[in-house]
Amino acid sequence: MTTTQADLATAIGSVTLPNPVMTASGTAGHGAELAGYVDLGRLGAVVVKSLAAYPWAGNPPPRIAPIESGMINSVGLAGPGVEAWLDEELPELLATGARVVVSIWGRTVEDYRRAAELLADAPSGVIAVEVNVSCPNVEDRHAMFAHSPEATAAVIEATEACDRPRWAKLSPNVSNLVEIAGAAHEAGAEAVTLVNTLMGLALDPETGRALLGNGGGGVSGAGLRPIAVRAVYECRERYPDLPIIGVGGITKGADAVEFLLAGAQGIQVGTATFANPRAVAMVLDELTQWCEQHRTTTAWLIGRAHR
């Protein structure tokens, strides 16, 4: 490569971003909470905490506990609902210059449909909808939607009314993730986000009780990164043209490079933000420096491990 100035631009399907670095849903709030620490307009996009079509209180506390490799959480997707978010949170977030990706969730296919319909008239600054299918499906004995190709496809098909590109956020707690990614794409997802948290349980050695109020929770942080990188790599290998967003344990620029090499067009920084609210900006700075030092671009890096 001969370039000396880093070109970080990337395309995730029909969505073009100035760089691949985004926040991860559930780690940066519903609005402009990080604006005091990060220039949100600099980021590729801000992915907000998942919203349902209705307000949801979430799980009982404690909701978050640190573990050696990161943290375990059981927040329970607490949120104000799509309508309240559109009125109360989104305007301030858009005022920062951020490109916004809204994450939605539900307990039934109809829940997802309604959330998508409520987003149909959202401002143009909402550039995509990330459909979080890693949620309990009450119509199927609380099995996760993301654990079934058929259930995942049904949700993606039901969310077409949002009238925006959809990204399916998938769970690593399966043996057929590649198949599920393909089903999501075939059903209408323009991209897949890989991966959500791993299911886990942390106990207090003194009491024998769960550290979280709801029992088990989702494990995230550095320990998740090799699992997420493998998921990205295997999906890129099977579906060379499927846009992928990689997420899981990214704390520095070199981690972002690893995901790009595996085949991701975009990356999201999540758990690191709890320890350092400037983490996502630091990853962007380090990725920029890495590309400048190596005289390369993100476009050249994407999928390089497969060539």
Protein backbone atom coordinates (compact mmCIF):
# COMPACT_ATOMS: atom_id res chain seq x y z
CA MET A 1 0.00 0.00 0.00
CA THR A 2 1.18 3.53 -0.78
CA THR A 3 -1.30 5.67 1.14
CA THR A 4 0.12 7.69 4.03
CA GLN A 5 -3.15 9.09 5.42
CA ALA A 6 -5.58 6.59 6.92
CA ASP A 7 -8.84 6.18 5.02
CA LEU A 8 -11.21 4.55 7.48
CA ALA A 9 -14.41 4.77 5.43
CA THR A 10 -16.46 1.59 5.29
CA ALA A 11 -19.75 0.36 3.84
CA ILE A 12 -22.09 -1.96 5.72
CA GLY A 13 -24.45 -2.92 2.95
CA SER A 14 -26.18 0.30 1.87
CA VAL A 15 -24.93 2.21 4.92
CA THR A 16 -21.72 4.18 4.38
CA LEU A 17 -19.80 5.28 7.49
CA PRO A 18 -16.72 7.50 7.86
CA ASN A 19 -15.11 4.79 9.98
CA PRO A 20 -16.07 1.34 11.31
CA VAL A 21 -16.08 2.18 15.04
CA MET A 22 -19.44 2.24 16.84
CA THR A 23 -20.78 1.90 20.34
CA ALA A 24 -22.41 -1.42 21.22
CA SER A 25 -26.05 -1.55 22.18
CA GLY A 26 -26.65 -1.60 25.92
CA THR A 27 -23.36 0.08 26.83
CA ALA A 28 -23.82 3.73 25.84
CA GLY A 29 -27.36 4.50 27.02
CA HIS A 30 -30.42 5.50 25.04
CA GLY A 31 -29.27 9.01 24.16
CA ALA A 32 -26.32 11.36 24.46
CA GLU A 33 -24.99 10.01 27.77
CA LEU A 34 -21.43 9.70 26.42
CA ALA A 35 -21.36 13.14 24.80
CA GLY A 36 -19.41 14.60 27.73
CA TYR A 37 -16.58 12.13 27.08
CA VAL A 38 -16.68 11.43 23.33
CA ASP A 39 -17.40 13.47 20.21
CA LEU A 40 -20.24 11.23 19.09
CA GLY A 41 -20.24 12.76 15.61
CA ARG A 42 -16.71 11.39 15.07
CA LEU A 43 -17.80 7.80 15.50
CA GLY A 44 -19.02 5.63 12.67
CA ALA A 45 -22.35 5.44 14.50
CA VAL A 46 -23.92 5.32 17.94
CA VAL A 47 -25.95 2.18 18.58
CA VAL A 48 -28.43 2.85 21.37
CA LYS A 49 -29.65 0.50 24.07
CA SER A 50 -32.36 -1.88 22.86
CA LEU A 51 -35.91 -0.54 22.90
CA ALA A 52 -39.24 -2.34 22.88
CA ALA A 53 -42.51 -1.00 21.54
CA TYR A 54 -43.47 -0.34 25.17
CA PRO A 55 -41.71 0.79 28.36
CA TRP A 56 -39.94 -2.05 30.17
CA ALA A 57 -38.61 -1.98 33.73
CA GLY A 58 -35.95 -4.66 33.31
CA ASN A 59 -34.64 -7.11 35.90
CA PRO A 60 -34.22 -6.68 39.67
CA PRO A 61 -30.87 -5.43 41.01
CA PRO A 62 -28.03 -6.12 41.23
CA ARG A 63 -27.79 -6.05 37.46
CA ILE A 64 -24.04 -5.95 36.77
CA ALA A 65 -21.09 -7.72 38.38
CA PRO A 66 -17.39 -7.67 37.41
CA ILE A 67 -15.65 -10.93 36.58
CA GLU A 68 -12.02 -11.63 35.66
CA SER A 69 -12.56 -11.50 31.91
CA GLY A 70 -15.00 -8.59 31.87
CA MET A 71 -18.46 -8.55 33.40
CA ILE A 72 -21.75 -10.40 33.67
CA ASN A 73 -25.02 -8.50 33.38
CA SER A 74 -28.72 -9.05 33.65
CA VAL A 75 -30.12 -5.58 33.06
CA GLY A 76 -33.14 -7.06 31.34
CA LEU A 77 -33.42 -4.59 28.45
CA ALA A 78 -34.86 -1.80 30.61
CA GLY A 79 -36.00 1.14 28.52
CA PRO A 80 -38.62 3.85 27.95
CA GLY A 81 -40.11 2.36 24.78
CA VAL A 82 -39.71 3.53 21.19
CA GLU A 83 -42.26 6.37 21.30
CA ALA A 84 -40.81 8.01 24.40
CA TRP A 85 -37.28 7.56 23.01
CA LEU A 86 -38.20 9.29 19.76
CA ASP A 87 -39.62 12.27 21.67
CA GLU A 88 -37.27 12.55 24.64
CA GLU A 89 -33.87 11.01 23.85
CA LEU A 90 -33.30 11.05 20.10
CA PRO A 91 -33.34 14.84 19.49
CA GLU A 92 -30.45 15.48 21.89
CA LEU A 93 -28.49 12.57 20.44
CA LEU A 94 -28.94 13.79 16.86
CA ALA A 95 -27.89 17.28 17.95
CA THR A 96 -24.41 15.90 18.68
CA GLY A 97 -24.01 15.06 14.99
CA ALA A 98 -24.16 11.33 15.65
CA ARG A 99 -25.33 8.82 13.08
CA VAL A 100 -27.79 6.69 15.04
CA VAL A 101 -28.55 2.99 14.88
CA VAL A 102 -31.57 2.05 16.98
CA SER A 103 -31.71 -1.43 18.51
CA ILE A 104 -35.12 -3.04 19.02
CA TRP A 105 -36.29 -6.12 20.90
CA GLY A 106 -39.49 -7.94 21.79
CA ARG A 107 -40.99 -10.98 23.47
CA THR A 108 -43.16 -11.89 20.49
CA VAL A 109 -42.90 -11.46 16.74
CA GLU A 110 -45.72 -8.93 17.00
CA ASP A 111 -43.67 -6.93 19.54
CA TYR A 112 -40.89 -6.58 16.99
CA ARG A 113 -43.37 -5.67 14.25
CA ARG A 114 -44.83 -2.88 16.37
CA ALA A 115 -41.42 -1.50 17.33
CA ALA A 116 -40.43 -1.41 13.65
CA GLU A 117 -43.65 0.34 12.67
CA LEU A 118 -43.05 3.03 15.28
CA LEU A 119 -39.67 3.77 13.68
CA ALA A 120 -41.00 4.19 10.14
CA ASP A 121 -41.17 7.98 10.45
CA ALA A 122 -38.01 8.47 12.51
CA PRO A 123 -35.67 11.27 11.38
CA SER A 124 -33.13 10.55 8.65
CA GLY A 125 -30.32 10.59 11.23
CA VAL A 126 -31.50 7.13 12.27
CA ILE A 127 -29.55 5.27 9.62
CA ALA A 128 -30.27 1.63 10.49
CA VAL A 129 -32.17 -0.66 12.85
CA GLU A 130 -30.32 -3.38 14.73
CA VAL A 131 -32.79 -6.16 15.46
CA ASN A 132 -31.74 -7.79 18.71
CA VAL A 133 -33.06 -11.34 18.40
CA SER A 134 -31.15 -12.57 21.46
CA CYS A 135 -34.34 -12.29 23.52
CA PRO A 136 -36.67 -14.83 25.18
CA ASN A 137 -39.54 -15.82 22.89
CA VAL A 138 -42.65 -16.20 25.05
CA GLU A 139 -44.42 -17.88 22.13
CA ASP A 140 -41.86 -20.69 22.19
CA ARG A 141 -41.43 -21.48 25.91
CA HIS A 142 -38.95 -18.59 26.33
CA ALA A 143 -36.37 -20.07 23.94
CA MET A 144 -34.30 -17.28 22.39
CA PHE A 145 -35.37 -16.15 18.93
CA ALA A 146 -31.68 -16.17 17.95
CA HIS A 147 -31.38 -19.88 18.73
CA SER A 148 -33.55 -20.83 15.77
CA PRO A 149 -33.11 -20.02 12.06
CA GLU A 150 -36.89 -20.06 11.63
CA ALA A 151 -37.62 -17.76 14.59
CA THR A 152 -34.85 -15.38 13.58
CA ALA A 153 -36.19 -15.21 10.04
CA ALA A 154 -39.73 -14.58 11.29
CA VAL A 155 -38.57 -11.57 13.32
CA ILE A 156 -36.55 -10.11 10.47
CA GLU A 157 -39.48 -10.47 8.09
CA ALA A 158 -41.77 -8.79 10.64
CA THR A 159 -39.56 -5.72 11.00
CA GLU A 160 -39.60 -4.60 7.37
CA ALA A 161 -41.91 -1.70 8.22
CA CYS A 162 -39.07 0.27 9.82
CA ASP A 163 -38.10 1.20 6.23
CA ARG A 164 -34.39 1.20 7.04
CA PRO A 165 -31.52 -1.26 6.66
CA ARG A 166 -31.77 -3.96 9.32
CA TRP A 167 -28.88 -5.62 11.13
CA ALA A 168 -29.63 -8.87 12.95
CA LYS A 169 -27.78 -9.12 16.27
CA LEU A 170 -27.14 -12.80 16.92
CA SER A 171 -26.28 -14.97 19.91
CA PRO A 172 -23.10 -17.06 20.26
CA ASN A 173 -24.93 -19.60 22.42
CA VAL A 174 -25.61 -21.95 19.50
CA SER A 175 -23.80 -24.55 17.42
CA ASN A 176 -25.34 -23.38 14.11
CA LEU A 177 -24.61 -19.65 14.17
CA VAL A 178 -23.53 -19.61 10.52
CA GLU A 179 -26.84 -21.17 9.46
CA ILE A 180 -28.79 -18.65 11.55
CA ALA A 181 -26.84 -15.76 10.03
CA GLY A 182 -27.75 -17.02 6.58
CA ALA A 183 -31.42 -17.29 7.55
CA ALA A 184 -31.42 -13.71 8.85
CA HIS A 185 -29.86 -12.42 5.65
CA GLU A 186 -32.25 -14.36 3.43
CA ALA A 187 -35.20 -12.98 5.43
CA GLY A 188 -34.15 -9.39 4.80
CA ALA A 189 -31.37 -8.46 7.21
CA GLU A 190 -28.83 -6.38 5.32
CA ALA A 191 -26.11 -7.29 7.84
CA VAL A 192 -25.50 -9.35 10.95
CA THR A 193 -23.96 -8.20 14.23
CA LEU A 194 -21.73 -10.87 15.79
CA VAL A 195 -22.02 -11.48 18.69
CA ASN A 196 -24.19 -10.81 21.72
CA THR A 197 -23.19 -12.02 25.20
CA LEU A 198 -22.58 -15.60 26.31
CA MET A 199 -24.92 -17.03 28.92
CA GLY A 200 -23.25 -17.42 32.30
CA LEU A 201 -23.68 -17.55 36.06
CA ALA A 202 -21.56 -16.02 38.83
CA LEU A 203 -21.95 -17.07 42.47
CA ASP A 204 -20.83 -15.43 45.70
CA PRO A 205 -18.44 -17.98 47.34
CA GLU A 206 -19.49 -16.83 50.82
CA THR A 207 -23.25 -17.14 50.42
CA GLY A 208 -23.62 -19.45 47.43
CA ARG A 209 -26.09 -16.99 45.95
CA ALA A 210 -26.04 -15.55 42.45
CA LEU A 211 -24.31 -12.19 42.19
CA LEU A 212 -27.12 -10.88 39.97
CA GLY A 213 -30.67 -10.29 41.08
CA ASN A 214 -32.13 -12.34 38.26
CA GLY A 215 -29.72 -15.28 38.65
CA GLY A 216 -27.71 -15.81 35.49
CA GLY A 217 -26.73 -13.21 32.94
CA GLY A 218 -24.74 -12.36 29.85
CA VAL A 219 -20.94 -12.56 29.91
CA SER A 220 -19.04 -9.90 27.97
CA GLY A 221 -15.56 -8.43 27.84
CA ALA A 222 -12.12 -9.55 26.72
CA GLY A 223 -12.86 -13.26 27.21
CA LEU A 224 -15.58 -13.07 24.58
CA ARG A 225 -13.32 -11.69 21.82
CA PRO A 226 -11.89 -14.97 20.40
CA ILE A 227 -15.42 -16.40 20.25
CA ALA A 228 -16.70 -13.34 18.41
CA VAL A 229 -13.72 -13.28 16.02
CA ARG A 230 -14.36 -16.92 15.14
CA ALA A 231 -18.05 -16.19 14.52
CA VAL A 232 -17.14 -13.33 12.18
CA TYR A 233 -14.52 -15.44 10.39
CA GLU A 234 -16.80 -18.43 9.85
CA CYS A 235 -19.72 -16.32 8.62
CA ARG A 236 -17.45 -14.42 6.23
CA GLU A 237 -16.05 -17.74 4.97
CA ARG A 238 -19.53 -19.10 4.25
CA TYR A 239 -21.11 -15.85 3.01
CA PRO A 240 -18.44 -13.68 1.36
CA ASP A 241 -20.96 -10.97 0.46
CA LEU A 242 -22.80 -10.76 3.81
CA PRO A 243 -22.01 -7.50 5.64
CA ILE A 244 -20.86 -8.15 9.22
CA ILE A 245 -20.43 -6.01 12.33
CA GLY A 246 -18.05 -7.55 14.89
CA VAL A 247 -18.50 -7.01 18.61
CA GLY A 248 -17.07 -8.66 21.72
CA GLY A 249 -14.16 -7.71 23.96
CA ILE A 250 -12.72 -4.87 21.89
CA THR A 251 -10.55 -2.64 24.08
CA LYS A 252 -7.89 -1.31 21.71
CA GLY A 253 -7.21 -0.54 18.09
CA ALA A 254 -5.44 -3.84 17.42
CA ASP A 255 -8.59 -5.68 18.52
CA ALA A 256 -10.58 -3.77 15.90
CA VAL A 257 -7.97 -4.72 13.28
CA GLU A 258 -8.41 -8.38 14.20
CA PHE A 259 -12.16 -8.21 13.56
CA LEU A 260 -11.63 -6.42 10.25
CA LEU A 261 -9.15 -9.06 9.13
CA ALA A 262 -11.67 -11.77 10.06
CA GLY A 263 -14.20 -10.15 7.74
CA ALA A 264 -16.13 -7.47 9.63
CA GLN A 265 -16.97 -4.19 7.89
CA GLY A 266 -17.75 -2.52 11.22
CA ILE A 267 -16.99 -3.04 14.89
CA GLN A 268 -18.67 -2.08 18.16
CA VAL A 269 -17.09 -1.22 21.50
CA GLY A 270 -19.15 -2.14 24.54
CA THR A 271 -17.99 -3.45 27.90
CA ALA A 272 -14.80 -1.36 27.83
CA THR A 273 -17.01 1.72 28.14
CA PHE A 274 -18.05 0.77 31.66
CA ALA A 275 -14.45 0.99 32.84
CA ASN A 276 -13.60 4.01 30.67
CA PRO A 277 -16.36 6.11 29.05
CA ARG A 278 -13.80 7.34 26.49
CA ALA A 279 -12.97 3.78 25.36
CA VAL A 280 -14.75 3.94 22.00
CA ALA A 281 -12.88 7.13 21.04
CA MET A 282 -9.59 5.58 22.14
CA VAL A 283 -10.23 2.55 19.92
CA LEU A 284 -10.94 4.87 16.99
CA ASP A 285 -7.75 6.85 17.65
CA GLU A 286 -5.65 3.69 17.92
CA LEU A 287 -7.18 2.18 14.78
CA THR A 288 -6.40 5.40 12.92
CA GLN A 289 -2.81 5.34 14.16
CA TRP A 290 -2.43 1.65 13.30
CA CYS A 291 -3.60 2.22 9.73
CA GLU A 292 -1.35 5.26 9.32
CA GLN A 293 1.68 3.37 10.65
CA HIS A 294 0.99 0.44 8.33
CA ARG A 295 0.06 2.69 5.42
CA THR A 296 -3.19 0.91 4.89
CA THR A 297 -6.95 1.46 4.94
CA THR A 298 -9.83 -0.32 6.61
CA ALA A 299 -11.16 -1.32 3.19
CA TRP A 300 -7.90 -3.15 2.47
CA LEU A 301 -7.95 -4.89 5.86
CA ILE A 302 -11.52 -6.21 5.66
CA GLY A 303 -11.50 -9.96 5.12
CA ARG A 304 -7.74 -10.07 4.57
CA ALA A 305 -7.46 -13.30 6.58
CA HIS A 306 -9.43 -15.05 3.84
CA ARG A 307 -7.16 -14.03 0.95
